[in-house]
Protein backbone atom coordinates (compact mmCIF):
# COMPACT_ATOMS: atom_id res chain seq x y z
CA MET A 1 0.00 0.00 0.00
CA LYS A 2 2.82 2.37 0.87
CA ASN A 3 4.53 1.72 -2.46
CA ASP A 4 1.28 2.39 -4.31
CA LYS A 5 0.85 5.71 -2.48
CA ASP A 6 4.45 6.66 -3.23
CA ASN A 7 4.01 5.81 -6.91
CA ASN A 8 0.79 7.82 -7.11
CA LEU A 9 2.49 10.77 -5.41
CA ILE A 10 5.41 10.61 -7.84
CA LYS A 11 3.05 10.49 -10.84
CA ARG A 12 0.99 13.39 -9.49
CA ASN A 13 4.08 15.49 -8.77
CA GLY A 14 5.40 14.63 -12.22
CA LYS A 15 2.20 15.84 -13.85
CA VAL A 16 2.24 19.04 -11.81
CA PHE A 17 5.87 19.66 -12.77
CA PHE A 18 5.08 18.98 -16.45
CA TRP A 19 2.17 21.42 -16.60
CA VAL A 20 4.09 24.08 -14.69
CA MET A 21 6.93 23.82 -17.22
CA VAL A 22 4.71 23.90 -20.33
CA ALA A 23 2.19 26.46 -19.07
CA LEU A 24 4.23 29.54 -20.12
CA PRO A 25 5.17 28.21 -23.60
CA LEU A 26 1.55 27.21 -24.23
CA LEU A 27 0.36 30.64 -23.11
CA GLN A 28 2.87 32.33 -25.39
CA PHE A 29 1.80 30.13 -28.29
CA ALA A 30 -1.88 30.88 -27.67
CA VAL A 31 -1.38 34.64 -27.37
CA PHE A 32 1.43 35.43 -29.81
CA TYR A 33 0.61 32.87 -32.52
CA VAL A 34 -3.00 31.71 -32.41
CA ALA A 35 -4.58 34.96 -31.19
CA VAL A 36 -2.37 37.23 -33.31
CA ASN A 37 -2.99 35.27 -36.51
CA PHE A 38 -6.71 34.97 -35.80
CA ASN A 39 -6.87 38.73 -35.26
CA SER A 40 -4.99 39.24 -38.54
CA VAL A 41 -7.65 37.26 -40.41
CA LEU A 42 -10.42 39.34 -38.83
CA LEU A 43 -8.48 42.51 -39.59
CA ALA A 44 -8.63 41.72 -43.30
CA PHE A 45 -12.38 42.41 -43.19
CA LYS A 46 -12.12 45.66 -41.23
CA SER A 47 -10.90 49.21 -41.70
CA TYR A 48 -8.90 51.50 -39.46
CA GLU A 49 -9.92 55.12 -39.87
CA ASN A 50 -8.12 58.01 -38.25
CA TYR A 51 -10.48 60.62 -36.81
CA THR A 52 -8.44 63.51 -35.39
CA GLY A 53 -5.77 61.20 -34.07
CA LYS A 54 -8.14 58.48 -32.85
CA ILE A 55 -8.23 55.11 -34.63
CA VAL A 56 -11.78 53.87 -35.24
CA THR A 57 -12.43 50.29 -36.42
CA ARG A 58 -15.41 49.16 -38.47
CA TRP A 59 -16.37 46.14 -40.55
CA ILE A 60 -16.09 46.61 -44.33
CA TRP A 61 -16.10 42.91 -45.23
CA PHE A 62 -14.55 42.33 -48.69
CA ALA A 63 -13.66 45.94 -49.52
CA ASN A 64 -9.96 45.36 -48.81
CA PHE A 65 -9.88 42.42 -51.20
CA GLU A 66 -11.66 44.50 -53.83
CA GLU A 67 -8.97 47.16 -53.49
CA ILE A 68 -6.26 44.53 -54.02
CA PHE A 69 -7.92 43.22 -57.20
CA ARG A 70 -8.43 46.79 -58.39
CA THR A 71 -4.74 47.50 -57.82
CA TRP A 72 -3.89 44.37 -59.80
CA ARG A 73 -6.10 45.37 -62.76
CA THR A 74 -5.32 49.08 -62.94
CA GLY A 75 -1.56 49.17 -62.25
CA THR A 76 1.68 47.27 -62.63
CA ILE A 77 3.20 47.64 -59.17
CA LEU A 78 1.54 44.53 -57.73
CA GLN A 79 2.15 42.52 -60.90
CA THR A 80 5.83 43.53 -60.82
CA ALA A 81 6.08 42.53 -57.16
CA VAL A 82 4.63 39.09 -57.93
CA LEU A 83 6.97 38.62 -60.89
CA ASN A 84 10.03 39.64 -58.85
CA SER A 85 9.03 37.27 -56.04
CA LEU A 86 8.79 34.41 -58.54
CA LYS A 87 12.20 35.37 -59.97
CA TYR A 88 13.79 35.11 -56.54
CA LEU A 89 12.05 31.76 -56.02
CA ALA A 90 13.55 30.52 -59.30
CA ILE A 91 16.96 31.78 -58.19
CA ASP A 92 16.63 29.88 -54.91
CA VAL A 93 15.62 26.61 -56.58
CA PHE A 94 17.61 26.60 -59.81
CA VAL A 95 20.76 28.55 -58.90
CA VAL A 96 21.35 28.72 -55.15
CA MET A 97 20.41 25.11 -54.44
CA PRO A 98 22.50 23.37 -57.15
CA VAL A 99 25.59 25.50 -56.50
CA SER A 100 25.25 25.06 -52.73
CA ILE A 101 24.94 21.28 -53.14
CA MET A 102 28.06 21.15 -55.32
CA PHE A 103 30.07 23.28 -52.91
CA GLY A 104 28.72 21.19 -50.03
CA TYR A 105 29.94 18.03 -51.74
CA TYR A 106 33.33 19.64 -52.35
CA VAL A 107 33.67 20.44 -48.66
CA TYR A 108 32.21 17.06 -47.60
CA LYS A 109 34.89 15.24 -49.62
CA ASN A 110 37.64 17.39 -48.05
CA PHE A 111 39.09 18.43 -51.40
CA ALA A 112 41.83 21.07 -51.60
CA PHE A 113 41.07 24.29 -49.68
CA SER A 114 37.66 22.93 -48.63
CA GLY A 115 38.00 24.46 -45.16
CA PHE A 116 38.84 27.85 -46.64
CA PHE A 117 35.83 27.74 -48.99
CA LYS A 118 33.59 26.71 -46.10
CA VAL A 119 34.60 29.74 -44.06
CA LEU A 120 34.51 32.07 -47.07
CA ILE A 121 30.98 31.10 -48.11
CA PHE A 122 29.56 30.95 -44.59
CA ALA A 123 31.10 34.27 -43.47
CA PRO A 124 28.30 36.53 -44.85
CA SER A 125 25.72 34.85 -42.61
CA ILE A 126 27.59 35.84 -39.41
CA ILE A 127 28.21 39.46 -40.38
CA CYS A 128 25.57 42.16 -39.81
CA ILE A 129 23.44 42.49 -42.93
CA MET A 130 23.69 46.29 -42.96
CA VAL A 131 27.49 46.12 -42.95
CA LEU A 132 27.37 43.87 -46.01
CA VAL A 133 24.83 46.14 -47.73
CA ILE A 134 26.93 49.26 -47.14
CA PHE A 135 30.14 47.68 -48.38
CA PHE A 136 28.43 46.06 -51.37
CA ARG A 137 26.62 49.24 -52.38
CA TYR A 138 29.75 51.37 -52.16
CA PHE A 139 31.70 48.73 -54.05
CA VAL A 140 29.14 48.59 -56.85
CA GLU A 141 28.55 52.33 -57.11
CA GLY A 142 32.11 53.41 -56.42
CA ALA A 143 34.19 50.79 -58.23
CA ILE A 144 32.21 48.67 -60.69
CA VAL A 145 30.18 51.56 -62.09
CA GLN A 146 33.24 53.73 -62.62
CA ILE A 147 35.05 50.92 -64.44
CA VAL A 148 32.05 50.29 -66.69
CA GLU A 149 31.62 53.99 -67.40
CA LYS A 150 35.28 54.40 -68.36
CA THR A 151 35.39 51.30 -70.56
CA SER A 152 32.01 51.65 -72.26
CA GLU A 153 31.57 55.44 -72.05
CA LYS A 154 28.05 54.93 -70.69
CA TYR A 155 26.74 56.94 -67.75
CA ILE A 156 25.11 54.53 -65.30
CA SER A 157 25.64 56.25 -61.93
CA GLY A 158 22.78 55.70 -59.50
CA ILE A 159 22.61 52.10 -60.63
CA PHE A 160 20.18 51.09 -57.87
CA PHE A 161 17.65 53.62 -59.17
CA GLN A 162 17.82 52.72 -62.84
CA ARG A 163 15.24 50.27 -64.14
CA LYS A 164 17.67 48.80 -66.64
CA TYR A 165 20.40 47.90 -64.13
CA ALA A 166 19.00 47.76 -60.56
CA PHE A 167 17.90 44.13 -60.60
CA TYR A 168 21.40 42.80 -61.37
CA PRO A 169 23.34 44.00 -58.27
CA LEU A 170 20.35 43.18 -56.05
CA THR A 171 20.31 39.64 -57.47
CA ILE A 172 24.07 39.20 -56.99
CA PHE A 173 23.76 40.27 -53.36
CA TYR A 174 20.83 37.89 -52.86
CA LEU A 175 22.90 35.05 -54.30
CA MET A 176 25.79 35.79 -51.94
CA LEU A 177 23.56 35.55 -48.89
CA GLY A 178 21.69 32.53 -50.26
CA PHE A 179 24.82 30.42 -50.65
CA SER A 180 25.98 31.12 -47.10
CA GLY A 181 22.66 30.17 -45.54
CA ASN A 182 22.26 26.75 -47.15
CA LEU A 183 25.81 25.40 -47.29
CA LEU A 184 25.98 23.98 -43.78
CA LEU A 185 22.59 22.31 -44.14
CA TYR A 186 23.78 20.34 -47.14
CA ILE A 187 27.11 19.48 -45.54
CA ASN A 188 25.31 18.20 -42.45
CA ALA A 189 22.95 16.09 -44.59
CA MET A 190 25.89 14.65 -46.55
CA SER A 191 27.72 13.75 -43.35
CA ASN A 192 24.96 11.21 -42.66
CA VAL A 193 25.89 9.25 -45.79
CA SER A 194 27.56 6.00 -44.73
CA ASP A 195 31.29 5.86 -45.46
CA SER A 196 30.97 2.15 -46.22
CA VAL A 197 28.44 2.90 -48.97
CA MET A 198 30.76 5.46 -50.55
CA GLU A 199 33.71 3.07 -50.33
CA ALA A 200 31.67 0.23 -51.88
CA ALA A 201 30.69 2.52 -54.76
CA MET A 202 34.33 3.43 -55.36
CA ILE A 203 35.33 -0.25 -55.33
CA ASP A 204 32.61 -1.00 -57.89
CA GLY A 205 34.15 1.60 -60.19
CA ALA A 206 31.85 4.56 -59.54
CA GLY A 207 33.67 7.85 -59.93
CA GLU A 208 32.98 11.10 -58.09
CA PHE A 209 30.20 12.11 -60.48
CA LYS A 210 28.29 8.82 -60.22
CA SER A 211 28.74 8.72 -56.44
CA PHE A 212 27.44 12.27 -56.23
CA VAL A 213 24.40 11.65 -58.45
CA HIS A 214 23.39 8.13 -57.37
CA ILE A 215 24.35 8.12 -53.68
CA VAL A 216 24.68 11.62 -52.26
CA ILE A 217 21.74 13.28 -54.05
CA PRO A 218 19.20 10.59 -53.01
CA ALA A 219 20.58 10.70 -49.45
CA ILE A 220 20.07 14.47 -49.12
CA TYR A 221 16.91 14.65 -51.21
CA LYS A 222 14.62 15.11 -48.18
CA THR A 223 16.69 18.11 -47.15
CA CYS A 224 16.38 19.52 -50.68
CA VAL A 225 12.61 19.02 -50.63
CA SER A 226 12.33 20.78 -47.28
CA LEU A 227 14.29 23.80 -48.53
CA ILE A 228 12.27 23.98 -51.75
CA ILE A 229 9.03 23.91 -49.76
CA ILE A 230 10.36 26.64 -47.46
CA SER A 231 11.28 28.76 -50.49
CA ILE A 232 7.80 28.33 -52.00
CA ALA A 233 6.12 29.12 -48.68
CA ALA A 234 8.26 32.27 -48.32
CA VAL A 235 7.30 33.72 -51.72
CA GLY A 236 4.86 36.11 -50.08
CA SER A 237 7.23 37.24 -47.33
CA ASN A 238 10.65 37.28 -49.01
CA GLN A 239 11.92 40.87 -49.09
CA ALA A 240 15.19 39.95 -50.86
CA TYR A 241 16.95 42.57 -48.66
CA ILE A 242 15.26 45.40 -50.59
CA HIS A 243 14.56 47.45 -47.46
CA SER A 244 18.22 47.21 -46.43
CA PHE A 245 19.24 48.91 -49.68
CA TYR A 246 16.58 51.62 -49.88
CA GLY A 247 15.86 52.37 -46.21
CA SER A 248 12.69 54.12 -45.07
CA LYS A 249 11.93 55.57 -48.51
CA SER A 250 9.90 53.41 -50.84
CA ALA A 251 12.04 51.30 -53.14
CA PRO A 252 11.52 51.76 -56.90
CA GLU A 253 8.53 49.86 -58.22
CA TYR A 254 10.64 47.65 -60.49
CA THR A 255 12.66 46.27 -57.54
CA GLN A 256 9.82 45.44 -55.14
CA THR A 257 8.68 41.97 -54.07
CA LEU A 258 5.48 40.84 -52.37
CA GLY A 259 7.30 40.60 -49.06
CA TYR A 260 8.59 44.14 -49.41
CA ARG A 261 5.12 45.42 -50.38
CA LEU A 262 3.64 43.95 -47.20
CA PHE A 263 6.50 45.30 -45.10
CA TYR A 264 6.18 48.78 -46.54
CA LEU A 265 2.42 48.83 -46.08
CA VAL A 266 2.86 48.21 -42.36
CA ILE A 267 6.07 50.08 -41.60
CA GLY A 268 6.41 52.76 -44.26
CA GLY A 269 2.88 53.42 -45.41
CA GLY A 270 2.50 56.72 -43.61
CA SER A 271 4.22 60.05 -44.03
CA ASN A 272 5.68 59.83 -40.52
CA GLY A 273 6.46 56.12 -40.50
CA ASP A 274 3.97 53.37 -39.78
CA ASP A 275 0.33 54.00 -40.64
CA PRO A 276 -2.25 51.88 -38.75
CA THR A 277 -4.89 52.65 -41.37
CA ARG A 278 -2.93 50.42 -43.78
CA TYR A 279 -2.93 47.40 -41.46
CA PRO A 280 -6.25 45.96 -42.77
CA ILE A 281 -5.14 46.00 -46.41
CA ALA A 282 -1.86 44.35 -45.38
CA ALA A 283 -3.86 41.68 -43.53
CA ALA A 284 -5.97 41.12 -46.65
CA TYR A 285 -2.79 40.63 -48.68
CA GLY A 286 -1.65 38.08 -46.12
CA VAL A 287 -4.92 36.14 -46.29
CA LEU A 288 -4.87 36.04 -50.11
CA ILE A 289 -1.22 34.97 -50.25
CA THR A 290 -1.90 32.22 -47.70
CA LEU A 291 -4.91 30.93 -49.66
CA ILE A 292 -2.71 30.66 -52.76
CA ILE A 293 0.54 29.43 -51.20
CA VAL A 294 -0.89 26.68 -48.98
CA PRO A 295 -2.35 24.50 -51.79
CA VAL A 296 0.65 25.21 -54.05
CA THR A 297 3.02 24.14 -51.30
CA SER A 298 1.02 20.99 -50.59
CA VAL A 299 0.94 19.99 -54.26
CA ALA A 300 4.66 20.72 -54.70
CA LYS A 301 5.51 18.60 -51.67
CA ARG A 302 3.46 15.66 -52.96
CA LEU A 303 5.02 15.83 -56.43
CA LEU A 304 8.58 16.19 -55.13
CA ASN A 305 8.18 13.22 -52.78
CA LYS A 306 6.44 11.12 -55.43
CA PHE A 307 8.88 11.64 -58.32
CA GLY A 308 12.11 12.23 -56.45
CA PRO A 309 15.07 9.82 -56.31
CA SER A 310 15.08 6.96 -53.81
CA GLU A 311 17.96 5.94 -51.52
CA GLU A 312 17.38 2.29 -52.32
């Protein structure tokens, strides 16, 4: 009987300890995730109106969505933002990922200077983004532009504000940061490949290319799928570091992404900074993007898992 009482006391104390430990995280999840996102959905059907400094809320139902569709039909700024977001998605999937995988394999195999390349590529991710932006912008505007102007006799100063040229340096900077963020993930995934499998492949006459394609790629394919899905899901929130280059002023229309549009609506929509009256339209954008991205992400995941390579 005493042992039963002791066991019951231990179980009860264990349950009390468990709920005490998870109470705060659950509360934070309920308030800062569930409640905030639920309020954002409701906000998409409301308006904030400023009456002599006082914010008044009222239901306007689908008026915010109508404004979005009207913006899409009557102008190009939203269409350009969508197109730029898709361009950065393509860069992530078809440029950043393949190059990162190849560099990851180079480092994984401990080829010459692999440690140096690992540090060199990963360094941008541990340096403050604004430091990188400042150095990159001064380098492009102060060095590259001057060289091009002298050699081609074309005046292209203010490159970040010229429609013809702005996308190129922004893309190069995005690539630099993209490589540094993914490299370690691929190296870590490759480190799980059995050494005995690699050795057996070499004994059977498989060279580096065949080992890479038929052993390493299938082994890290789940990691690749996860990163592709993350990239697709982030289409509506990816700013591509646009705000870091252009600051509080609105970036030129031809450089903007969907993520930047949402950010600017919330933070830079007013003449003196943030404008609460723009919050509902930003929430409506978020709801629309979610309704589009969720099924696209689900379909992409199914297709990638269905038709991807197998480790067997």
